[in-house]
Amino acid sequence: MAIQPTSPPSVSELPPAPNSATDTPSEFDSKANNTVSAQVAMIPQINSANDWVETTAQQVYNNAIEAEASATNSEESAQNSADSASISQNAGNILGEWSGLTGSVSIGKIALHLNGRWQATKAIADVTASEPSLSNPDWTLISYINKSLLLADSEVMTAVAINEINATQSNPLPLASSVPANNILQIIVPKQYTGIETTHICSGSDTITSDGTDTSIILKWLSGGVATFASNGVDNWRRI
């Protein structure tokens, strides 16, 4: 709880100082004695004021730390509320397994398919004729569970799941701005597909940074493995 600082202690003013140029000897002696006496009386007042300054400075510092913590907690609470609202909204938008859906689907609704949650990017007149996939612009993958996602040729990779590739093919990178900064995108090639090459072209005006900075990259999978990239959230993927 914030502490209210106390009022500062008072410090007496010094009397007029002696002046050898204008004071008579008796006036000079009297003023000198008064000044010395006042200074002696001021010592405990000054010490008290110094103690007050030190104590109050610590209180102000503690109040600032508490205010910062309170602001952080408020921000986290607001974010948690927003996340909870988003989760609740998503839960209300989930229609169920795509294979069991019929009729039309509104924009924003979510279908479950192939271990993932797919959100409709537009109104779909006949959902049975629009299977969710990375190559179907009617849907966007918003989460994926447990398994790697096997990509067909020309399908855009995703930062939501591990992208598995089993053949020489070309798979574009998503826009770097489509994911938060430093989000990870992983590509995996099983060892049994040793020797394949994959090509990954940047979307829009993005670039990709590996040995240099280019608009595409060719990966040679000499023994399979994993390649990892991170987005700057704006216009570049960097290999890490």
C-alpha atoms as a PDB file:
ATOM      1  CA  MET A   1       0.000   0.000   0.000  1.00  0.00           C
ATOM      2  CA  ALA A   2       1.341   3.431  -0.914  1.00  0.00           C
ATOM      3  CA  ILE A   3       2.745   5.492   1.995  1.00  0.00           C
ATOM      4  CA  GLN A   4       1.749   9.153   2.391  1.00  0.00           C
ATOM      5  CA  PRO A   5       4.914  11.192   3.159  1.00  0.00           C
ATOM      6  CA  THR A   6       4.832  13.408   6.253  1.00  0.00           C
ATOM      7  CA  SER A   7       5.195  17.186   6.133  1.00  0.00           C
ATOM      8  CA  PRO A   8       8.823  18.361   6.109  1.00  0.00           C
ATOM      9  CA  PRO A   9      10.283  19.670   9.391  1.00  0.00           C
ATOM     10  CA  SER A  10      10.979  23.409   9.594  1.00  0.00           C
ATOM     11  CA  VAL A  11      14.456  24.907   9.759  1.00  0.00           C
ATOM     12  CA  SER A  12      14.868  28.350  11.355  1.00  0.00           C
ATOM     13  CA  GLU A  13      16.328  31.212   9.375  1.00  0.00           C
ATOM     14  CA  LEU A  14      19.652  32.678  10.452  1.00  0.00           C
ATOM     15  CA  PRO A  15      19.651  36.203  11.858  1.00  0.00           C
ATOM     16  CA  PRO A  16      21.491  38.954   9.968  1.00  0.00           C
ATOM     17  CA  ALA A  17      25.206  38.179   9.678  1.00  0.00           C
ATOM     18  CA  PRO A  18      27.773  40.611  11.066  1.00  0.00           C
ATOM     19  CA  ASN A  19      29.360  43.063   8.619  1.00  0.00           C
ATOM     20  CA  SER A  20      32.745  44.520   9.515  1.00  0.00           C
ATOM     21  CA  ALA A  21      32.378  47.247   6.914  1.00  0.00           C
ATOM     22  CA  THR A  22      29.210  48.793   8.315  1.00  0.00           C
ATOM     23  CA  ASP A  23      28.729  47.485  11.876  1.00  0.00           C
ATOM     24  CA  THR A  24      30.134  49.167  14.932  1.00  0.00           C
ATOM     25  CA  PRO A  25      32.301  46.888  17.069  1.00  0.00           C
ATOM     26  CA  SER A  26      29.460  46.305  19.504  1.00  0.00           C
ATOM     27  CA  GLU A  27      26.959  45.628  16.672  1.00  0.00           C
ATOM     28  CA  PHE A  28      29.417  43.257  15.023  1.00  0.00           C
ATOM     29  CA  ASP A  29      29.980  41.334  18.279  1.00  0.00           C
ATOM     30  CA  SER A  30      26.239  41.141  18.956  1.00  0.00           C
ATOM     31  CA  LYS A  31      25.378  39.890  15.443  1.00  0.00           C
ATOM     32  CA  ALA A  32      28.268  37.372  15.518  1.00  0.00           C
ATOM     33  CA  ASN A  33      27.051  35.971  18.833  1.00  0.00           C
ATOM     34  CA  ASN A  34      23.470  35.759  17.533  1.00  0.00           C
ATOM     35  CA  THR A  35      24.582  33.991  14.325  1.00  0.00           C
ATOM     36  CA  VAL A  36      26.673  31.411  16.192  1.00  0.00           C
ATOM     37  CA  SER A  37      23.856  30.781  18.684  1.00  0.00           C
ATOM     38  CA  ALA A  38      21.355  30.350  15.825  1.00  0.00           C
ATOM     39  CA  GLN A  39      23.667  27.936  14.012  1.00  0.00           C
ATOM     40  CA  VAL A  40      23.984  25.806  17.165  1.00  0.00           C
ATOM     41  CA  ALA A  41      20.180  25.714  17.449  1.00  0.00           C
ATOM     42  CA  MET A  42      19.835  24.834  13.748  1.00  0.00           C
ATOM     43  CA  ILE A  43      22.024  21.709  13.931  1.00  0.00           C
ATOM     44  CA  PRO A  44      19.268  19.353  15.255  1.00  0.00           C
ATOM     45  CA  GLN A  45      16.780  20.978  12.855  1.00  0.00           C
ATOM     46  CA  ILE A  46      19.060  20.331   9.865  1.00  0.00           C
ATOM     47  CA  ASN A  47      19.717  16.756  11.030  1.00  0.00           C
ATOM     48  CA  SER A  48      15.964  16.223  11.326  1.00  0.00           C
ATOM     49  CA  ALA A  49      15.425  17.649   7.831  1.00  0.00           C
ATOM     50  CA  ASN A  50      18.150  15.373   6.418  1.00  0.00           C
ATOM     51  CA  ASP A  51      16.488  12.344   8.019  1.00  0.00           C
ATOM     52  CA  TRP A  52      13.138  13.422   6.549  1.00  0.00           C
ATOM     53  CA  VAL A  53      14.648  13.783   3.064  1.00  0.00           C
ATOM     54  CA  GLU A  54      16.197  10.289   3.234  1.00  0.00           C
ATOM     55  CA  THR A  55      13.005   8.685   4.573  1.00  0.00           C
ATOM     56  CA  THR A  56      10.756  10.480   2.091  1.00  0.00           C
ATOM     57  CA  ALA A  57      13.004   9.621  -0.859  1.00  0.00           C
ATOM     58  CA  GLN A  58      12.773   5.927   0.105  1.00  0.00           C
ATOM     59  CA  GLN A  59       8.982   6.212   0.442  1.00  0.00           C
ATOM     60  CA  VAL A  60       8.700   7.858  -2.971  1.00  0.00           C
ATOM     61  CA  TYR A  61      10.881   5.120  -4.482  1.00  0.00           C
ATOM     62  CA  ASN A  62       8.803   2.386  -2.823  1.00  0.00           C
ATOM     63  CA  ASN A  63       5.592   4.041  -4.029  1.00  0.00           C
ATOM     64  CA  ALA A  64       6.972   4.176  -7.584  1.00  0.00           C
ATOM     65  CA  ILE A  65       7.903   0.469  -7.473  1.00  0.00           C
ATOM     66  CA  GLU A  66       4.444  -0.378  -6.140  1.00  0.00           C
ATOM     67  CA  ALA A  67       2.783   1.744  -8.821  1.00  0.00           C
ATOM     68  CA  GLU A  68       4.841   0.018 -11.535  1.00  0.00           C
ATOM     69  CA  ALA A  69       3.922  -3.408 -10.162  1.00  0.00           C
ATOM     70  CA  SER A  70       0.276  -2.389  -9.969  1.00  0.00           C
ATOM     71  CA  ALA A  71       0.346  -1.184 -13.576  1.00  0.00           C
ATOM     72  CA  THR A  72       1.962  -4.461 -14.676  1.00  0.00           C
ATOM     73  CA  ASN A  73      -0.645  -6.472 -12.787  1.00  0.00           C
ATOM     74  CA  SER A  74      -3.411  -4.400 -14.342  1.00  0.00           C
ATOM     75  CA  GLU A  75      -1.949  -4.959 -17.816  1.00  0.00           C
ATOM     76  CA  GLU A  76      -1.622  -8.702 -17.202  1.00  0.00           C
ATOM     77  CA  SER A  77      -5.154  -8.817 -15.824  1.00  0.00           C
ATOM     78  CA  ALA A  78      -6.458  -7.001 -18.894  1.00  0.00           C
ATOM     79  CA  GLN A  79      -4.537  -9.380 -21.161  1.00  0.00           C
ATOM     80  CA  ASN A  80      -5.841 -12.410 -19.256  1.00  0.00           C
ATOM     81  CA  SER A  81      -9.374 -11.065 -19.584  1.00  0.00           C
ATOM     82  CA  ALA A  82      -8.858 -10.528 -23.299  1.00  0.00           C
ATOM     83  CA  ASP A  83      -7.403 -14.028 -23.662  1.00  0.00           C
ATOM     84  CA  SER A  84     -10.303 -15.518 -21.724  1.00  0.00           C
ATOM     85  CA  ALA A  85     -12.746 -13.626 -23.893  1.00  0.00           C
ATOM     86  CA  SER A  86     -10.941 -14.820 -27.010  1.00  0.00           C
ATOM     87  CA  ILE A  87     -10.987 -18.420 -25.759  1.00  0.00           C
ATOM     88  CA  SER A  88     -14.671 -18.173 -24.927  1.00  0.00           C
ATOM     89  CA  GLN A  89     -15.406 -16.631 -28.305  1.00  0.00           C
ATOM     90  CA  ASN A  90     -13.419 -19.336 -30.108  1.00  0.00           C
ATOM     91  CA  ALA A  91     -15.165 -22.038 -28.104  1.00  0.00           C
ATOM     92  CA  GLY A  92     -18.516 -20.618 -29.167  1.00  0.00           C
ATOM     93  CA  ASN A  93     -17.376 -20.548 -32.790  1.00  0.00           C
ATOM     94  CA  ILE A  94     -16.296 -24.204 -32.958  1.00  0.00           C
ATOM     95  CA  LEU A  95     -18.685 -26.127 -35.182  1.00  0.00           C
ATOM     96  CA  GLY A  96     -17.186 -29.585 -34.724  1.00  0.00           C
ATOM     97  CA  GLU A  97     -15.477 -32.001 -37.091  1.00  0.00           C
ATOM     98  CA  TRP A  98     -15.488 -30.774 -40.675  1.00  0.00           C
ATOM     99  CA  SER A  99     -16.456 -34.233 -41.930  1.00  0.00           C
ATOM    100  CA  GLY A 100     -19.750 -33.968 -40.060  1.00  0.00           C
ATOM    101  CA  LEU A 101     -20.694 -30.455 -41.220  1.00  0.00           C
ATOM    102  CA  THR A 102     -23.229 -29.571 -43.910  1.00  0.00           C
ATOM    103  CA  GLY A 103     -24.683 -26.371 -45.323  1.00  0.00           C
ATOM    104  CA  SER A 104     -23.157 -22.933 -45.060  1.00  0.00           C
ATOM    105  CA  VAL A 105     -20.470 -21.655 -42.685  1.00  0.00           C
ATOM    106  CA  SER A 106     -20.109 -18.037 -41.565  1.00  0.00           C
ATOM    107  CA  ILE A 107     -16.803 -16.178 -41.564  1.00  0.00           C
ATOM    108  CA  GLY A 108     -14.919 -16.701 -38.306  1.00  0.00           C
ATOM    109  CA  LYS A 109     -16.446 -20.096 -37.545  1.00  0.00           C
ATOM    110  CA  ILE A 110     -14.046 -22.934 -36.688  1.00  0.00           C
ATOM    111  CA  ALA A 111     -13.982 -26.495 -37.975  1.00  0.00           C
ATOM    112  CA  LEU A 112     -11.890 -29.362 -36.590  1.00  0.00           C
ATOM    113  CA  HIS A 113      -9.948 -31.306 -39.214  1.00  0.00           C
ATOM    114  CA  LEU A 114      -6.717 -33.345 -39.364  1.00  0.00           C
ATOM    115  CA  ASN A 115      -5.673 -32.561 -35.776  1.00  0.00           C
ATOM    116  CA  GLY A 116      -6.140 -28.839 -36.328  1.00  0.00           C
ATOM    117  CA  ARG A 117      -8.565 -25.978 -35.840  1.00  0.00           C
ATOM    118  CA  TRP A 118      -9.398 -24.169 -39.069  1.00  0.00           C
ATOM    119  CA  GLN A 119     -11.125 -20.792 -39.114  1.00  0.00           C
ATOM    120  CA  ALA A 120     -13.245 -19.719 -42.062  1.00  0.00           C
ATOM    121  CA  THR A 121     -11.767 -16.626 -43.733  1.00  0.00           C
ATOM    122  CA  LYS A 122     -15.006 -15.912 -45.615  1.00  0.00           C
ATOM    123  CA  ALA A 123     -18.587 -17.106 -45.771  1.00  0.00           C
ATOM    124  CA  ILE A 124     -18.707 -20.597 -47.293  1.00  0.00           C
ATOM    125  CA  ALA A 125     -21.894 -21.564 -49.100  1.00  0.00           C
ATOM    126  CA  ASP A 126     -21.301 -25.325 -49.069  1.00  0.00           C
ATOM    127  CA  VAL A 127     -18.857 -26.519 -46.419  1.00  0.00           C
ATOM    128  CA  THR A 128     -18.797 -30.053 -47.825  1.00  0.00           C
ATOM    129  CA  ALA A 129     -17.160 -28.677 -50.991  1.00  0.00           C
ATOM    130  CA  SER A 130     -14.466 -26.774 -49.093  1.00  0.00           C
ATOM    131  CA  GLU A 131     -12.095 -29.056 -47.197  1.00  0.00           C
ATOM    132  CA  PRO A 132      -9.795 -27.173 -44.805  1.00  0.00           C
ATOM    133  CA  SER A 133      -6.174 -27.226 -45.970  1.00  0.00           C
ATOM    134  CA  LEU A 134      -3.207 -24.907 -46.277  1.00  0.00           C
ATOM    135  CA  SER A 135      -3.879 -24.552 -50.001  1.00  0.00           C
ATOM    136  CA  ASN A 136      -7.574 -23.664 -49.525  1.00  0.00           C
ATOM    137  CA  PRO A 137      -7.954 -19.881 -49.048  1.00  0.00           C
ATOM    138  CA  ASP A 138     -11.403 -20.438 -47.482  1.00  0.00           C
ATOM    139  CA  TRP A 139      -9.650 -21.507 -44.278  1.00  0.00           C
ATOM    140  CA  THR A 140      -6.716 -20.533 -42.096  1.00  0.00           C
ATOM    141  CA  LEU A 141      -5.039 -22.903 -39.635  1.00  0.00           C
ATOM    142  CA  ILE A 142      -5.132 -21.373 -36.137  1.00  0.00           C
ATOM    143  CA  SER A 143      -3.871 -24.306 -34.038  1.00  0.00           C
ATOM    144  CA  TYR A 144      -2.507 -27.778 -34.567  1.00  0.00           C
ATOM    145  CA  ILE A 145      -2.220 -30.648 -32.104  1.00  0.00           C
ATOM    146  CA  ASN A 146       0.627 -33.092 -31.487  1.00  0.00           C
ATOM    147  CA  LYS A 147       1.580 -34.122 -35.033  1.00  0.00           C
ATOM    148  CA  SER A 148       3.698 -32.682 -37.817  1.00  0.00           C
ATOM    149  CA  LEU A 149       1.709 -31.304 -40.732  1.00  0.00           C
ATOM    150  CA  LEU A 150       2.531 -33.076 -43.994  1.00  0.00           C
ATOM    151  CA  LEU A 151       2.743 -30.473 -46.773  1.00  0.00           C
ATOM    152  CA  ALA A 152       1.876 -31.051 -50.397  1.00  0.00           C
ATOM    153  CA  ASP A 153       3.777 -29.262 -53.154  1.00  0.00           C
ATOM    154  CA  SER A 154       3.048 -25.511 -53.336  1.00  0.00           C
ATOM    155  CA  GLU A 155       1.243 -25.389 -49.979  1.00  0.00           C
ATOM    156  CA  VAL A 156       2.249 -22.400 -47.858  1.00  0.00           C
ATOM    157  CA  MET A 157       4.113 -23.340 -44.704  1.00  0.00           C
ATOM    158  CA  THR A 158       2.728 -22.411 -41.311  1.00  0.00           C
ATOM    159  CA  ALA A 159       4.170 -21.283 -37.977  1.00  0.00           C
ATOM    160  CA  VAL A 160       1.309 -23.072 -36.184  1.00  0.00           C
ATOM    161  CA  ALA A 161       2.696 -26.590 -36.703  1.00  0.00           C
ATOM    162  CA  ILE A 162       5.897 -28.406 -37.674  1.00  0.00           C
ATOM    163  CA  ASN A 163       5.950 -28.537 -41.469  1.00  0.00           C
ATOM    164  CA  GLU A 164       6.846 -32.054 -42.662  1.00  0.00           C
ATOM    165  CA  ILE A 165       8.088 -32.491 -46.240  1.00  0.00           C
ATOM    166  CA  ASN A 166       8.709 -35.879 -47.828  1.00  0.00           C
ATOM    167  CA  ALA A 167       9.622 -35.004 -51.433  1.00  0.00           C
ATOM    168  CA  THR A 168      11.448 -32.462 -53.578  1.00  0.00           C
ATOM    169  CA  GLN A 169       8.951 -29.607 -53.805  1.00  0.00           C
ATOM    170  CA  SER A 170       8.399 -25.883 -53.352  1.00  0.00           C
ATOM    171  CA  ASN A 171       6.570 -24.486 -50.340  1.00  0.00           C
ATOM    172  CA  PRO A 172       6.315 -20.694 -49.899  1.00  0.00           C
ATOM    173  CA  LEU A 173       6.922 -19.034 -46.548  1.00  0.00           C
ATOM    174  CA  PRO A 174       3.957 -17.225 -44.991  1.00  0.00           C
ATOM    175  CA  LEU A 175       4.127 -13.452 -44.632  1.00  0.00           C
ATOM    176  CA  ALA A 176       6.485 -12.521 -41.807  1.00  0.00           C
ATOM    177  CA  SER A 177       3.918  -9.985 -40.650  1.00  0.00           C
ATOM    178  CA  SER A 178       1.283 -12.714 -40.293  1.00  0.00           C
ATOM    179  CA  VAL A 179       2.874 -13.949 -37.057  1.00  0.00           C
ATOM    180  CA  PRO A 180       4.239 -12.135 -33.986  1.00  0.00           C
ATOM    181  CA  ALA A 181       7.929 -11.235 -33.957  1.00  0.00           C
ATOM    182  CA  ASN A 182      10.282 -14.119 -33.094  1.00  0.00           C
ATOM    183  CA  ASN A 183       7.652 -16.765 -33.745  1.00  0.00           C
ATOM    184  CA  ILE A 184       9.267 -20.019 -34.837  1.00  0.00           C
ATOM    185  CA  LEU A 185       8.610 -21.869 -38.095  1.00  0.00           C
ATOM    186  CA  GLN A 186      10.072 -25.383 -38.355  1.00  0.00           C
ATOM    187  CA  ILE A 187      10.565 -27.686 -41.326  1.00  0.00           C
ATOM    188  CA  ILE A 188      11.249 -31.378 -40.795  1.00  0.00           C
ATOM    189  CA  VAL A 189      12.377 -33.964 -43.351  1.00  0.00           C
ATOM    190  CA  PRO A 190      12.485 -37.608 -42.177  1.00  0.00           C
ATOM    191  CA  LYS A 191      15.833 -39.389 -42.674  1.00  0.00           C
ATOM    192  CA  GLN A 192      14.289 -41.827 -45.147  1.00  0.00           C
ATOM    193  CA  TYR A 193      13.927 -38.932 -47.605  1.00  0.00           C
ATOM    194  CA  THR A 194      17.643 -38.073 -47.559  1.00  0.00           C
ATOM    195  CA  GLY A 195      18.839 -36.214 -50.651  1.00  0.00           C
ATOM    196  CA  ILE A 196      15.722 -34.221 -51.497  1.00  0.00           C
ATOM    197  CA  GLU A 197      15.786 -30.448 -52.042  1.00  0.00           C
ATOM    198  CA  THR A 198      13.065 -28.030 -51.012  1.00  0.00           C
ATOM    199  CA  THR A 199      12.538 -24.478 -52.213  1.00  0.00           C
ATOM    200  CA  HIS A 200      10.972 -21.771 -50.081  1.00  0.00           C
ATOM    201  CA  ILE A 201      10.016 -18.458 -51.670  1.00  0.00           C
ATOM    202  CA  CYS A 202       9.152 -15.416 -49.578  1.00  0.00           C
ATOM    203  CA  SER A 203       5.647 -13.999 -49.743  1.00  0.00           C
ATOM    204  CA  GLY A 204       5.016 -10.373 -50.727  1.00  0.00           C
ATOM    205  CA  SER A 205       8.158  -8.274 -50.436  1.00  0.00           C
ATOM    206  CA  ASP A 206       9.602 -10.312 -47.559  1.00  0.00           C
ATOM    207  CA  THR A 207      13.206 -11.494 -47.443  1.00  0.00           C
ATOM    208  CA  ILE A 208      14.869 -14.521 -45.875  1.00  0.00           C
ATOM    209  CA  THR A 209      18.216 -14.422 -44.107  1.00  0.00           C
ATOM    210  CA  SER A 210      20.505 -17.470 -44.075  1.00  0.00           C
ATOM    211  CA  ASP A 211      24.047 -17.173 -45.486  1.00  0.00           C
ATOM    212  CA  GLY A 212      22.875 -13.893 -47.005  1.00  0.00           C
ATOM    213  CA  THR A 213      19.586 -12.079 -47.424  1.00  0.00           C
ATOM    214  CA  ASP A 214      17.483 -13.221 -50.381  1.00  0.00           C
ATOM    215  CA  THR A 215      13.889 -13.641 -51.489  1.00  0.00           C
ATOM    216  CA  SER A 216      14.098 -17.457 -51.519  1.00  0.00           C
ATOM    217  CA  ILE A 217      16.140 -20.327 -50.160  1.00  0.00           C
ATOM    218  CA  ILE A 218      16.891 -23.857 -51.360  1.00  0.00           C
ATOM    219  CA  LEU A 219      17.472 -26.426 -48.633  1.00  0.00           C
ATOM    220  CA  LYS A 220      19.474 -29.556 -49.424  1.00  0.00           C
ATOM    221  CA  TRP A 221      18.520 -32.340 -47.046  1.00  0.00           C
ATOM    222  CA  LEU A 222      21.644 -34.525 -47.126  1.00  0.00           C
ATOM    223  CA  SER A 223      20.499 -36.586 -44.149  1.00  0.00           C
ATOM    224  CA  GLY A 224      17.046 -35.264 -43.281  1.00  0.00           C
ATOM    225  CA  GLY A 225      16.650 -33.168 -40.162  1.00  0.00           C
ATOM    226  CA  VAL A 226      15.059 -29.923 -39.016  1.00  0.00           C
ATOM    227  CA  ALA A 227      15.412 -26.334 -40.253  1.00  0.00           C
ATOM    228  CA  THR A 228      14.201 -23.530 -38.021  1.00  0.00           C
ATOM    229  CA  PHE A 229      13.311 -19.956 -38.946  1.00  0.00           C
ATOM    230  CA  ALA A 230      12.090 -16.974 -36.928  1.00  0.00           C
ATOM    231  CA  SER A 231      10.055 -13.998 -38.113  1.00  0.00           C
ATOM    232  CA  ASN A 232      10.846 -10.394 -37.282  1.00  0.00           C
ATOM    233  CA  GLY A 233       7.102  -9.785 -37.389  1.00  0.00           C
ATOM    234  CA  VAL A 234       7.469  -7.338 -40.280  1.00  0.00           C
ATOM    235  CA  ASP A 235       9.251  -8.426 -43.445  1.00  0.00           C
ATOM    236  CA  ASN A 236      11.969 -10.998 -42.807  1.00  0.00           C
ATOM    237  CA  TRP A 237      12.487 -14.649 -41.855  1.00  0.00           C
ATOM    238  CA  ARG A 238      15.908 -15.537 -40.444  1.00  0.00           C
ATOM    239  CA  ARG A 239      17.315 -19.045 -40.264  1.00  0.00           C
ATOM    240  CA  ILE A 240      18.440 -19.963 -36.743  1.00  0.00           C
END
